[in-house]
Amino acid sequence: MGNEYAVGWGTLALINAGLAQGKNRSGLMWFLASLLLGPVATLALVIFEKLPEEGGIHDD
């Protein structure tokens, strides 16, 4: 039963990394955070708003 739990936790971390990148956040940082926090990290990512793009064209 322990292997299935580890596979699910790792899959959640990968999903969170993709979700984080979609919100212009560090996928690696959120992957590592997800390994420690699991579903709590997922909740945080869902609640946080998308960050603005860096290096884009500004309307100054």
N, C-alpha and C. Protein backbone atom coordinates (compact mmCIF):
# COMPACT_ATOMS: atom_id res chain seq x y z
N MET A 1 0.83 -1.19 0.00
CA MET A 1 0.00 0.00 0.00
C MET A 1 0.87 1.25 0.00
N GLY A 2 2.07 1.20 0.55
CA GLY A 2 2.93 2.36 0.62
C GLY A 2 3.38 2.87 -0.74
N ASN A 3 3.58 1.94 -1.69
CA ASN A 3 4.01 2.35 -3.03
C ASN A 3 2.94 3.17 -3.74
N GLU A 4 1.69 2.78 -3.61
CA GLU A 4 0.61 3.52 -4.26
C GLU A 4 0.51 4.93 -3.68
N TYR A 5 0.72 5.03 -2.40
CA TYR A 5 0.67 6.34 -1.73
C TYR A 5 1.78 7.24 -2.26
N ALA A 6 2.99 6.70 -2.40
CA ALA A 6 4.13 7.47 -2.90
C ALA A 6 3.92 7.89 -4.36
N VAL A 7 3.38 7.00 -5.16
CA VAL A 7 3.12 7.32 -6.57
C VAL A 7 2.08 8.44 -6.67
N GLY A 8 1.03 8.36 -5.87
CA GLY A 8 0.00 9.40 -5.88
C GLY A 8 0.55 10.74 -5.42
N TRP A 9 1.38 10.73 -4.39
CA TRP A 9 1.97 11.96 -3.85
C TRP A 9 2.89 12.59 -4.90
N GLY A 10 3.69 11.76 -5.58
CA GLY A 10 4.59 12.26 -6.63
C GLY A 10 3.83 12.80 -7.82
N THR A 11 2.74 12.13 -8.18
CA THR A 11 1.91 12.61 -9.28
C THR A 11 1.29 13.96 -8.94
N LEU A 12 0.83 14.11 -7.72
CA LEU A 12 0.27 15.39 -7.28
C LEU A 12 1.32 16.49 -7.35
N ALA A 13 2.56 16.17 -6.97
CA ALA A 13 3.64 17.16 -7.04
C ALA A 13 3.90 17.59 -8.48
N LEU A 14 3.85 16.64 -9.42
CA LEU A 14 4.03 16.99 -10.84
C LEU A 14 2.88 17.84 -11.36
N ILE A 15 1.67 17.51 -10.97
CA ILE A 15 0.51 18.30 -11.37
C ILE A 15 0.62 19.72 -10.82
N ASN A 16 1.04 19.84 -9.57
CA ASN A 16 1.20 21.16 -8.96
C ASN A 16 2.28 21.97 -9.66
N ALA A 17 3.35 21.33 -10.10
CA ALA A 17 4.41 22.04 -10.83
C ALA A 17 3.85 22.62 -12.13
N GLY A 18 3.05 21.84 -12.84
CA GLY A 18 2.43 22.35 -14.07
C GLY A 18 1.44 23.46 -13.79
N LEU A 19 0.66 23.31 -12.73
CA LEU A 19 -0.29 24.35 -12.35
C LEU A 19 0.44 25.64 -11.98
N ALA A 20 1.55 25.51 -11.27
CA ALA A 20 2.33 26.68 -10.87
C ALA A 20 2.90 27.39 -12.10
N GLN A 21 3.42 26.65 -13.05
CA GLN A 21 3.95 27.27 -14.26
C GLN A 21 2.86 27.98 -15.05
N GLY A 22 1.67 27.44 -15.03
CA GLY A 22 0.54 28.09 -15.70
C GLY A 22 0.16 29.41 -15.04
N LYS A 23 0.57 29.58 -13.79
CA LYS A 23 0.29 30.83 -13.07
C LYS A 23 1.55 31.69 -12.93
N ASN A 24 2.53 31.44 -13.83
CA ASN A 24 3.79 32.19 -13.87
C ASN A 24 4.56 32.11 -12.55
N ARG A 25 4.57 30.94 -11.95
CA ARG A 25 5.32 30.70 -10.72
C ARG A 25 6.35 29.61 -11.00
N SER A 26 7.31 29.46 -10.11
CA SER A 26 8.38 28.48 -10.28
C SER A 26 7.85 27.06 -10.14
N GLY A 27 7.91 26.31 -11.23
CA GLY A 27 7.45 24.93 -11.19
C GLY A 27 8.31 24.07 -10.27
N LEU A 28 9.63 24.28 -10.28
CA LEU A 28 10.51 23.49 -9.43
C LEU A 28 10.26 23.77 -7.96
N MET A 29 10.11 25.04 -7.61
CA MET A 29 9.86 25.39 -6.21
C MET A 29 8.55 24.77 -5.72
N TRP A 30 7.52 24.84 -6.54
CA TRP A 30 6.22 24.29 -6.15
C TRP A 30 6.23 22.77 -6.17
N PHE A 31 7.03 22.17 -7.04
CA PHE A 31 7.18 20.71 -7.02
C PHE A 31 7.76 20.26 -5.69
N LEU A 32 8.84 20.93 -5.27
CA LEU A 32 9.48 20.58 -4.00
C LEU A 32 8.56 20.86 -2.81
N ALA A 33 7.85 21.99 -2.87
CA ALA A 33 6.91 22.31 -1.79
C ALA A 33 5.79 21.27 -1.74
N SER A 34 5.37 20.80 -2.89
CA SER A 34 4.30 19.81 -2.95
C SER A 34 4.73 18.46 -2.38
N LEU A 35 6.01 18.14 -2.52
CA LEU A 35 6.50 16.90 -1.94
C LEU A 35 6.38 16.94 -0.42
N LEU A 36 6.52 18.14 0.15
CA LEU A 36 6.41 18.30 1.60
C LEU A 36 4.97 18.52 2.06
N LEU A 37 4.22 19.33 1.32
CA LEU A 37 2.90 19.77 1.77
C LEU A 37 1.73 19.05 1.11
N GLY A 38 1.96 18.47 -0.06
CA GLY A 38 0.92 17.72 -0.75
C GLY A 38 -0.31 18.54 -1.09
N PRO A 39 -1.48 18.10 -0.65
CA PRO A 39 -2.73 18.78 -0.99
C PRO A 39 -2.81 20.22 -0.48
N VAL A 40 -2.09 20.55 0.56
CA VAL A 40 -2.08 21.94 1.06
C VAL A 40 -1.46 22.86 0.01
N ALA A 41 -0.41 22.39 -0.66
CA ALA A 41 0.21 23.17 -1.74
C ALA A 41 -0.76 23.33 -2.91
N THR A 42 -1.52 22.29 -3.21
CA THR A 42 -2.52 22.38 -4.28
C THR A 42 -3.55 23.44 -3.95
N LEU A 43 -4.03 23.45 -2.74
CA LEU A 43 -5.01 24.45 -2.31
C LEU A 43 -4.43 25.86 -2.45
N ALA A 44 -3.19 26.04 -2.02
CA ALA A 44 -2.55 27.35 -2.12
C ALA A 44 -2.45 27.79 -3.58
N LEU A 45 -2.06 26.89 -4.46
CA LEU A 45 -1.95 27.25 -5.88
C LEU A 45 -3.30 27.62 -6.49
N VAL A 46 -4.33 26.92 -6.08
CA VAL A 46 -5.66 27.22 -6.62
C VAL A 46 -6.14 28.59 -6.13
N ILE A 47 -5.81 28.93 -4.90
CA ILE A 47 -6.26 30.20 -4.32
C ILE A 47 -5.47 31.39 -4.88
N PHE A 48 -4.14 31.21 -5.06
CA PHE A 48 -3.29 32.32 -5.52
C PHE A 48 -3.69 32.73 -6.93
N GLU A 49 -3.59 34.04 -7.18
CA GLU A 49 -3.88 34.55 -8.52
C GLU A 49 -2.66 34.40 -9.41
N LYS A 50 -2.89 34.47 -10.71
CA LYS A 50 -1.80 34.37 -11.68
C LYS A 50 -0.92 35.61 -11.58
N LEU A 51 0.40 35.41 -11.59
CA LEU A 51 1.33 36.53 -11.56
C LEU A 51 1.41 37.15 -12.95
N PRO A 52 1.67 38.46 -13.02
CA PRO A 52 1.83 39.08 -14.35
C PRO A 52 3.09 38.57 -15.03
N GLU A 53 3.08 38.57 -16.36
CA GLU A 53 4.23 38.15 -17.14
C GLU A 53 5.37 39.13 -16.95
N GLU A 54 6.60 38.62 -16.84
CA GLU A 54 7.76 39.49 -16.73
C GLU A 54 8.35 39.71 -18.12
N GLY A 55 8.86 40.92 -18.36
CA GLY A 55 9.50 41.21 -19.63
C GLY A 55 8.53 41.46 -20.76
N GLY A 56 7.28 41.66 -20.45
CA GLY A 56 6.29 41.94 -21.48
C GLY A 56 6.28 43.42 -21.87
N ILE A 57 5.43 43.75 -22.78
CA ILE A 57 5.29 45.13 -23.22
C ILE A 57 4.42 45.88 -22.22
N HIS A 58 4.90 47.03 -21.76
CA HIS A 58 4.17 47.83 -20.77
C HIS A 58 3.53 49.03 -21.44
N ASP A 59 2.43 49.49 -20.90
CA ASP A 59 1.74 50.68 -21.41
C ASP A 59 2.15 51.91 -20.63
N ASP A 60 3.45 52.25 -20.67
CA ASP A 60 3.94 53.42 -19.92
C ASP A 60 3.72 54.69 -20.69
